[in-house]
Amino acid sequence: SYGDLMLAMYAEREPDIAFTHMFPGMVDTEA
């Protein structure tokens, strides 16, 4: 939730830049 609000507020401060929060789901990675 901190990450969502951070990006939303950065987008307000920097309206010409894109700020994206993307959910990967369950991905078959090393982690």
PDB file of all heavy atoms in Angstrom:
ATOM      1  N   SER A   1       0.823  -1.212   0.000  1.00  0.00           N
ATOM      2  CA  SER A   1       0.000   0.000   0.000  1.00  0.00           C
ATOM      3  C   SER A   1       0.854   1.258   0.000  1.00  0.00           C
ATOM      4  O   SER A   1       0.498   2.261  -0.634  1.00  0.00           O
ATOM      5  CB  SER A   1      -0.928  -0.011   1.225  1.00  0.00           C
ATOM      6  OG  SER A   1      -1.760  -1.157   1.203  1.00  0.00           O
ATOM      7  N   TYR A   2       1.975   1.219   0.699  1.00  0.00           N
ATOM      8  CA  TYR A   2       2.903   2.355   0.668  1.00  0.00           C
ATOM      9  C   TYR A   2       3.343   2.610  -0.776  1.00  0.00           C
ATOM     10  O   TYR A   2       3.429   3.759  -1.223  1.00  0.00           O
ATOM     11  CB  TYR A   2       4.142   2.055   1.508  1.00  0.00           C
ATOM     12  CG  TYR A   2       4.006   2.181   3.006  1.00  0.00           C
ATOM     13  CD1 TYR A   2       2.764   2.106   3.649  1.00  0.00           C
ATOM     14  CD2 TYR A   2       5.122   2.356   3.806  1.00  0.00           C
ATOM     15  CE1 TYR A   2       2.659   2.203   5.022  1.00  0.00           C
ATOM     16  CE2 TYR A   2       5.037   2.451   5.192  1.00  0.00           C
ATOM     17  CZ  TYR A   2       3.800   2.368   5.792  1.00  0.00           C
ATOM     18  OH  TYR A   2       3.707   2.467   7.155  1.00  0.00           O
ATOM     19  N   GLY A   3       3.637   1.522  -1.501  1.00  0.00           N
ATOM     20  CA  GLY A   3       4.093   1.670  -2.883  1.00  0.00           C
ATOM     21  C   GLY A   3       3.043   2.299  -3.784  1.00  0.00           C
ATOM     22  O   GLY A   3       3.361   3.126  -4.646  1.00  0.00           O
ATOM     23  N   ASP A   4       1.791   1.911  -3.596  1.00  0.00           N
ATOM     24  CA  ASP A   4       0.712   2.515  -4.382  1.00  0.00           C
ATOM     25  C   ASP A   4       0.625   4.019  -4.144  1.00  0.00           C
ATOM     26  O   ASP A   4       0.565   4.810  -5.095  1.00  0.00           O
ATOM     27  CB  ASP A   4      -0.630   1.874  -4.007  1.00  0.00           C
ATOM     28  CG  ASP A   4      -0.873   0.546  -4.712  1.00  0.00           C
ATOM     29  OD1 ASP A   4      -0.538   0.445  -5.899  1.00  0.00           O
ATOM     30  OD2 ASP A   4      -1.384  -0.375  -4.064  1.00  0.00           O
ATOM     31  N   LEU A   5       0.612   4.405  -2.870  1.00  0.00           N
ATOM     32  CA  LEU A   5       0.471   5.829  -2.558  1.00  0.00           C
ATOM     33  C   LEU A   5       1.694   6.605  -3.008  1.00  0.00           C
ATOM     34  O   LEU A   5       1.569   7.723  -3.516  1.00  0.00           O
ATOM     35  CB  LEU A   5       0.231   6.017  -1.057  1.00  0.00           C
ATOM     36  CG  LEU A   5      -0.030   7.462  -0.611  1.00  0.00           C
ATOM     37  CD1 LEU A   5      -1.189   8.084  -1.390  1.00  0.00           C
ATOM     38  CD2 LEU A   5      -0.302   7.516   0.891  1.00  0.00           C
ATOM     39  N   MET A   6       2.867   6.023  -2.851  1.00  0.00           N
ATOM     40  CA  MET A   6       4.094   6.680  -3.308  1.00  0.00           C
ATOM     41  C   MET A   6       4.002   7.035  -4.787  1.00  0.00           C
ATOM     42  O   MET A   6       4.258   8.179  -5.197  1.00  0.00           O
ATOM     43  CB  MET A   6       5.288   5.760  -3.076  1.00  0.00           C
ATOM     44  CG  MET A   6       6.581   6.240  -3.703  1.00  0.00           C
ATOM     45  SD  MET A   6       7.887   4.984  -3.750  1.00  0.00           S
ATOM     46  CE  MET A   6       7.502   4.143  -5.293  1.00  0.00           C
ATOM     47  N   LEU A   7       3.640   6.051  -5.611  1.00  0.00           N
ATOM     48  CA  LEU A   7       3.599   6.277  -7.055  1.00  0.00           C
ATOM     49  C   LEU A   7       2.501   7.258  -7.439  1.00  0.00           C
ATOM     50  O   LEU A   7       2.683   8.086  -8.343  1.00  0.00           O
ATOM     51  CB  LEU A   7       3.413   4.947  -7.782  1.00  0.00           C
ATOM     52  CG  LEU A   7       4.608   3.991  -7.677  1.00  0.00           C
ATOM     53  CD1 LEU A   7       4.245   2.610  -8.221  1.00  0.00           C
ATOM     54  CD2 LEU A   7       5.820   4.545  -8.421  1.00  0.00           C
ATOM     55  N   ALA A   8       1.367   7.179  -6.762  1.00  0.00           N
ATOM     56  CA  ALA A   8       0.280   8.123  -7.039  1.00  0.00           C
ATOM     57  C   ALA A   8       0.718   9.553  -6.730  1.00  0.00           C
ATOM     58  O   ALA A   8       0.412  10.492  -7.489  1.00  0.00           O
ATOM     59  CB  ALA A   8      -0.953   7.761  -6.221  1.00  0.00           C
ATOM     60  N   MET A   9       1.440   9.723  -5.633  1.00  0.00           N
ATOM     61  CA  MET A   9       1.869  11.067  -5.249  1.00  0.00           C
ATOM     62  C   MET A   9       3.003  11.570  -6.137  1.00  0.00           C
ATOM     63  O   MET A   9       3.064  12.765  -6.462  1.00  0.00           O
ATOM     64  CB  MET A   9       2.263  11.082  -3.775  1.00  0.00           C
ATOM     65  CG  MET A   9       1.083  10.822  -2.844  1.00  0.00           C
ATOM     66  SD  MET A   9       1.472  10.930  -1.080  1.00  0.00           S
ATOM     67  CE  MET A   9       1.673  12.723  -0.889  1.00  0.00           C
ATOM     68  N   TYR A  10       3.890  10.680  -6.551  1.00  0.00           N
ATOM     69  CA  TYR A  10       4.914  11.100  -7.500  1.00  0.00           C
ATOM     70  C   TYR A  10       4.279  11.532  -8.820  1.00  0.00           C
ATOM     71  O   TYR A  10       4.717  12.496  -9.456  1.00  0.00           O
ATOM     72  CB  TYR A  10       5.896   9.954  -7.772  1.00  0.00           C
ATOM     73  CG  TYR A  10       7.085   9.928  -6.839  1.00  0.00           C
ATOM     74  CD1 TYR A  10       7.417   8.776  -6.128  1.00  0.00           C
ATOM     75  CD2 TYR A  10       7.897  11.046  -6.677  1.00  0.00           C
ATOM     76  CE1 TYR A  10       8.511   8.741  -5.274  1.00  0.00           C
ATOM     77  CE2 TYR A  10       8.996  11.024  -5.824  1.00  0.00           C
ATOM     78  CZ  TYR A  10       9.290   9.867  -5.125  1.00  0.00           C
ATOM     79  OH  TYR A  10      10.375   9.844  -4.281  1.00  0.00           O
ATOM     80  N   ALA A  11       3.231  10.821  -9.237  1.00  0.00           N
ATOM     81  CA  ALA A  11       2.557  11.171 -10.491  1.00  0.00           C
ATOM     82  C   ALA A  11       1.913  12.549 -10.406  1.00  0.00           C
ATOM     83  O   ALA A  11       1.856  13.283 -11.401  1.00  0.00           O
ATOM     84  CB  ALA A  11       1.506  10.111 -10.828  1.00  0.00           C
ATOM     85  N   GLU A  12       1.421  12.901  -9.234  1.00  0.00           N
ATOM     86  CA  GLU A  12       0.850  14.230  -9.047  1.00  0.00           C
ATOM     87  C   GLU A  12       1.925  15.305  -9.131  1.00  0.00           C
ATOM     88  O   GLU A  12       1.697  16.388  -9.676  1.00  0.00           O
ATOM     89  CB  GLU A  12       0.150  14.307  -7.692  1.00  0.00           C
ATOM     90  CG  GLU A  12      -1.092  13.433  -7.588  1.00  0.00           C
ATOM     91  CD  GLU A  12      -1.617  13.342  -6.176  1.00  0.00           C
ATOM     92  OE1 GLU A  12      -1.015  13.966  -5.269  1.00  0.00           O
ATOM     93  OE2 GLU A  12      -2.621  12.636  -5.960  1.00  0.00           O
ATOM     94  N   ARG A  13       3.091  14.994  -8.599  1.00  0.00           N
ATOM     95  CA  ARG A  13       4.194  15.961  -8.596  1.00  0.00           C
ATOM     96  C   ARG A  13       4.905  16.042  -9.943  1.00  0.00           C
ATOM     97  O   ARG A  13       5.487  17.082 -10.277  1.00  0.00           O
ATOM     98  CB  ARG A  13       5.203  15.577  -7.501  1.00  0.00           C
ATOM     99  CG  ARG A  13       4.696  15.854  -6.091  1.00  0.00           C
ATOM    100  CD  ARG A  13       5.540  15.127  -5.036  1.00  0.00           C
ATOM    101  NE  ARG A  13       5.305  15.628  -3.692  1.00  0.00           N
ATOM    102  CZ  ARG A  13       4.221  15.402  -2.973  1.00  0.00           C
ATOM    103  NH1 ARG A  13       3.252  14.643  -3.488  1.00  0.00           N
ATOM    104  NH2 ARG A  13       4.078  15.901  -1.762  1.00  0.00           N
ATOM    105  N   GLU A  14       4.888  14.940 -10.682  1.00  0.00           N
ATOM    106  CA  GLU A  14       5.584  14.871 -11.977  1.00  0.00           C
ATOM    107  C   GLU A  14       4.598  14.407 -13.055  1.00  0.00           C
ATOM    108  O   GLU A  14       4.645  13.262 -13.518  1.00  0.00           O
ATOM    109  CB  GLU A  14       6.757  13.891 -11.884  1.00  0.00           C
ATOM    110  CG  GLU A  14       7.773  14.204 -10.809  1.00  0.00           C
ATOM    111  CD  GLU A  14       8.621  15.423 -11.148  1.00  0.00           C
ATOM    112  OE1 GLU A  14       8.705  15.781 -12.343  1.00  0.00           O
ATOM    113  OE2 GLU A  14       9.203  16.012 -10.220  1.00  0.00           O
ATOM    114  N   PRO A  15       3.680  15.261 -13.477  1.00  0.00           N
ATOM    115  CA  PRO A  15       2.591  14.831 -14.365  1.00  0.00           C
ATOM    116  C   PRO A  15       3.030  14.383 -15.754  1.00  0.00           C
ATOM    117  O   PRO A  15       2.245  13.753 -16.463  1.00  0.00           O
ATOM    118  CB  PRO A  15       1.705  16.085 -14.445  1.00  0.00           C
ATOM    119  CG  PRO A  15       2.607  17.220 -14.098  1.00  0.00           C
ATOM    120  CD  PRO A  15       3.581  16.687 -13.106  1.00  0.00           C
ATOM    121  N   ASP A  16       4.261  14.652 -16.151  1.00  0.00           N
ATOM    122  CA  ASP A  16       4.714  14.251 -17.480  1.00  0.00           C
ATOM    123  C   ASP A  16       5.418  12.902 -17.497  1.00  0.00           C
ATOM    124  O   ASP A  16       5.818  12.415 -18.559  1.00  0.00           O
ATOM    125  CB  ASP A  16       5.656  15.316 -18.056  1.00  0.00           C
ATOM    126  CG  ASP A  16       4.931  16.613 -18.380  1.00  0.00           C
ATOM    127  OD1 ASP A  16       3.739  16.533 -18.728  1.00  0.00           O
ATOM    128  OD2 ASP A  16       5.545  17.685 -18.266  1.00  0.00           O
ATOM    129  N   ILE A  17       5.573  12.290 -16.313  1.00  0.00           N
ATOM    130  CA  ILE A  17       6.268  11.007 -16.202  1.00  0.00           C
ATOM    131  C   ILE A  17       5.258   9.925 -15.850  1.00  0.00           C
ATOM    132  O   ILE A  17       4.300  10.167 -15.128  1.00  0.00           O
ATOM    133  CB  ILE A  17       7.374  11.089 -15.126  1.00  0.00           C
ATOM    134  CG1 ILE A  17       8.432  12.124 -15.534  1.00  0.00           C
ATOM    135  CG2 ILE A  17       8.027   9.722 -14.903  1.00  0.00           C
ATOM    136  CD1 ILE A  17       9.490  12.374 -14.474  1.00  0.00           C
ATOM    137  N   ALA A  18       5.459   8.719 -16.353  1.00  0.00           N
ATOM    138  CA  ALA A  18       4.575   7.587 -16.040  1.00  0.00           C
ATOM    139  C   ALA A  18       5.081   6.860 -14.797  1.00  0.00           C
ATOM    140  O   ALA A  18       6.278   6.600 -14.664  1.00  0.00           O
ATOM    141  CB  ALA A  18       4.522   6.621 -17.218  1.00  0.00           C
ATOM    142  N   PHE A  19       4.152   6.535 -13.900  1.00  0.00           N
ATOM    143  CA  PHE A  19       4.473   5.791 -12.676  1.00  0.00           C
ATOM    144  C   PHE A  19       3.531   4.590 -12.600  1.00  0.00           C
ATOM    145  O   PHE A  19       2.322   4.753 -12.476  1.00  0.00           O
ATOM    146  CB  PHE A  19       4.320   6.672 -11.443  1.00  0.00           C
ATOM    147  CG  PHE A  19       5.292   7.815 -11.387  1.00  0.00           C
ATOM    148  CD1 PHE A  19       4.992   9.037 -11.982  1.00  0.00           C
ATOM    149  CD2 PHE A  19       6.526   7.668 -10.753  1.00  0.00           C
ATOM    150  CE1 PHE A  19       5.897  10.095 -11.946  1.00  0.00           C
ATOM    151  CE2 PHE A  19       7.432   8.713 -10.708  1.00  0.00           C
ATOM    152  CZ  PHE A  19       7.125   9.933 -11.308  1.00  0.00           C
ATOM    153  N   THR A  20       4.101   3.405 -12.677  1.00  0.00           N
ATOM    154  CA  THR A  20       3.296   2.183 -12.798  1.00  0.00           C
ATOM    155  C   THR A  20       3.605   1.194 -11.679  1.00  0.00           C
ATOM    156  O   THR A  20       4.771   0.931 -11.374  1.00  0.00           O
ATOM    157  CB  THR A  20       3.565   1.498 -14.152  1.00  0.00           C
ATOM    158  OG1 THR A  20       3.276   2.411 -15.209  1.00  0.00           O
ATOM    159  CG2 THR A  20       2.710   0.244 -14.302  1.00  0.00           C
ATOM    160  N   HIS A  21       2.553   0.634 -11.095  1.00  0.00           N
ATOM    161  CA  HIS A  21       2.662  -0.452 -10.125  1.00  0.00           C
ATOM    162  C   HIS A  21       1.973  -1.647 -10.761  1.00  0.00           C
ATOM    163  O   HIS A  21       0.775  -1.618 -11.009  1.00  0.00           O
ATOM    164  CB  HIS A  21       1.956  -0.062  -8.826  1.00  0.00           C
ATOM    165  CG  HIS A  21       2.561  -0.671  -7.604  1.00  0.00           C
ATOM    166  ND1 HIS A  21       2.031  -0.527  -6.350  1.00  0.00           N
ATOM    167  CD2 HIS A  21       3.673  -1.428  -7.430  1.00  0.00           C
ATOM    168  CE1 HIS A  21       2.778  -1.146  -5.460  1.00  0.00           C
ATOM    169  NE2 HIS A  21       3.781  -1.712  -6.090  1.00  0.00           N
ATOM    170  N   MET A  22       2.734  -2.705 -11.031  1.00  0.00           N
ATOM    171  CA  MET A  22       2.152  -3.854 -11.743  1.00  0.00           C
ATOM    172  C   MET A  22       2.304  -5.134 -10.925  1.00  0.00           C
ATOM    173  O   MET A  22       3.358  -5.416 -10.363  1.00  0.00           O
ATOM    174  CB  MET A  22       2.797  -4.023 -13.115  1.00  0.00           C
ATOM    175  CG  MET A  22       2.142  -5.120 -13.952  1.00  0.00           C
ATOM    176  SD  MET A  22       2.489  -4.936 -15.715  1.00  0.00           S
ATOM    177  CE  MET A  22       1.893  -6.511 -16.342  1.00  0.00           C
ATOM    178  N   PHE A  23       1.236  -5.901 -10.891  1.00  0.00           N
ATOM    179  CA  PHE A  23       1.166  -7.146 -10.131  1.00  0.00           C
ATOM    180  C   PHE A  23       1.615  -8.311 -11.010  1.00  0.00           C
ATOM    181  O   PHE A  23       1.011  -8.573 -12.045  1.00  0.00           O
ATOM    182  CB  PHE A  23      -0.264  -7.361  -9.651  1.00  0.00           C
ATOM    183  CG  PHE A  23      -0.481  -8.627  -8.873  1.00  0.00           C
ATOM    184  CD1 PHE A  23       0.286  -8.908  -7.759  1.00  0.00           C
ATOM    185  CD2 PHE A  23      -1.470  -9.525  -9.241  1.00  0.00           C
ATOM    186  CE1 PHE A  23       0.083 -10.068  -7.032  1.00  0.00           C
ATOM    187  CE2 PHE A  23      -1.690 -10.691  -8.518  1.00  0.00           C
ATOM    188  CZ  PHE A  23      -0.901 -10.964  -7.409  1.00  0.00           C
ATOM    189  N   PRO A  24       2.655  -9.052 -10.620  1.00  0.00           N
ATOM    190  CA  PRO A  24       3.134 -10.139 -11.469  1.00  0.00           C
ATOM    191  C   PRO A  24       2.328 -11.418 -11.364  1.00  0.00           C
ATOM    192  O   PRO A  24       2.348 -12.239 -12.278  1.00  0.00           O
ATOM    193  CB  PRO A  24       4.562 -10.365 -10.956  1.00  0.00           C
ATOM    194  CG  PRO A  24       4.499  -9.973  -9.515  1.00  0.00           C
ATOM    195  CD  PRO A  24       3.513  -8.822  -9.456  1.00  0.00           C
ATOM    196  N   GLY A  25       1.611 -11.601 -10.226  1.00  0.00           N
ATOM    197  CA  GLY A  25       0.942 -12.873  -9.998  1.00  0.00           C
ATOM    198  C   GLY A  25       1.948 -13.935  -9.587  1.00  0.00           C
ATOM    199  O   GLY A  25       3.066 -13.632  -9.148  1.00  0.00           O
ATOM    200  N   MET A  26       1.576 -15.192  -9.738  1.00  0.00           N
ATOM    201  CA  MET A  26       2.461 -16.303  -9.383  1.00  0.00           C
ATOM    202  C   MET A  26       3.321 -16.655 -10.595  1.00  0.00           C
ATOM    203  O   MET A  26       2.856 -17.293 -11.546  1.00  0.00           O
ATOM    204  CB  MET A  26       1.647 -17.519  -8.940  1.00  0.00           C
ATOM    205  CG  MET A  26       0.922 -17.325  -7.628  1.00  0.00           C
ATOM    206  SD  MET A  26      -0.077 -18.769  -7.159  1.00  0.00           S
ATOM    207  CE  MET A  26       1.197 -20.037  -7.023  1.00  0.00           C
ATOM    208  N   VAL A  27       4.551 -16.215 -10.566  1.00  0.00           N
ATOM    209  CA  VAL A  27       5.458 -16.414 -11.699  1.00  0.00           C
ATOM    210  C   VAL A  27       6.517 -17.439 -11.308  1.00  0.00           C
ATOM    211  O   VAL A  27       7.040 -17.424 -10.189  1.00  0.00           O
ATOM    212  CB  VAL A  27       6.130 -15.088 -12.108  1.00  0.00           C
ATOM    213  CG1 VAL A  27       7.025 -15.294 -13.331  1.00  0.00           C
ATOM    214  CG2 VAL A  27       5.064 -14.038 -12.402  1.00  0.00           C
ATOM    215  N   ASP A  28       6.822 -18.322 -12.215  1.00  0.00           N
ATOM    216  CA  ASP A  28       7.778 -19.398 -11.936  1.00  0.00           C
ATOM    217  C   ASP A  28       9.205 -18.873 -12.018  1.00  0.00           C
ATOM    218  O   ASP A  28       9.924 -19.098 -12.996  1.00  0.00           O
ATOM    219  CB  ASP A  28       7.569 -20.547 -12.926  1.00  0.00           C
ATOM    220  CG  ASP A  28       8.328 -21.807 -12.519  1.00  0.00           C
ATOM    221  OD1 ASP A  28       8.784 -21.871 -11.361  1.00  0.00           O
ATOM    222  OD2 ASP A  28       8.454 -22.712 -13.353  1.00  0.00           O
ATOM    223  N   THR A  29       9.612 -18.178 -10.970  1.00  0.00           N
ATOM    224  CA  THR A  29      10.967 -17.642 -10.889  1.00  0.00           C
ATOM    225  C   THR A  29      11.728 -18.312  -9.757  1.00  0.00           C
ATOM    226  O   THR A  29      11.168 -19.064  -8.957  1.00  0.00           O
ATOM    227  CB  THR A  29      10.930 -16.123 -10.627  1.00  0.00           C
ATOM    228  OG1 THR A  29      10.370 -15.888  -9.324  1.00  0.00           O
ATOM    229  CG2 THR A  29      10.107 -15.399 -11.677  1.00  0.00           C
ATOM    230  N   GLU A  30      13.012 -17.992  -9.664  1.00  0.00           N
ATOM    231  CA  GLU A  30      13.863 -18.548  -8.615  1.00  0.00           C
ATOM    232  C   GLU A  30      13.317 -18.242  -7.219  1.00  0.00           C
ATOM    233  O   GLU A  30      13.462 -19.037  -6.291  1.00  0.00           O
ATOM    234  CB  GLU A  30      15.283 -17.994  -8.735  1.00  0.00           C
ATOM    235  CG  GLU A  30      15.978 -18.346 -10.040  1.00  0.00           C
ATOM    236  CD  GLU A  30      15.795 -17.295 -11.116  1.00  0.00           C
ATOM    237  OE1 GLU A  30      14.717 -16.649 -11.141  1.00  0.00           O
ATOM    238  OE2 GLU A  30      16.710 -17.117 -11.936  1.00  0.00           O
ATOM    239  N   ALA A  31      12.688 -17.081  -7.067  1.00  0.00           N
ATOM    240  CA  ALA A  31      12.196 -16.657  -5.753  1.00  0.00           C
ATOM    241  C   ALA A  31      11.040 -17.516  -5.251  1.00  0.00           C
ATOM    242  O   ALA A  31      10.742 -17.513  -4.052  1.00  0.00           O
ATOM    243  CB  ALA A  31      11.762 -15.189  -5.813  1.00  0.00           C
TER     244      ALA A  31
END
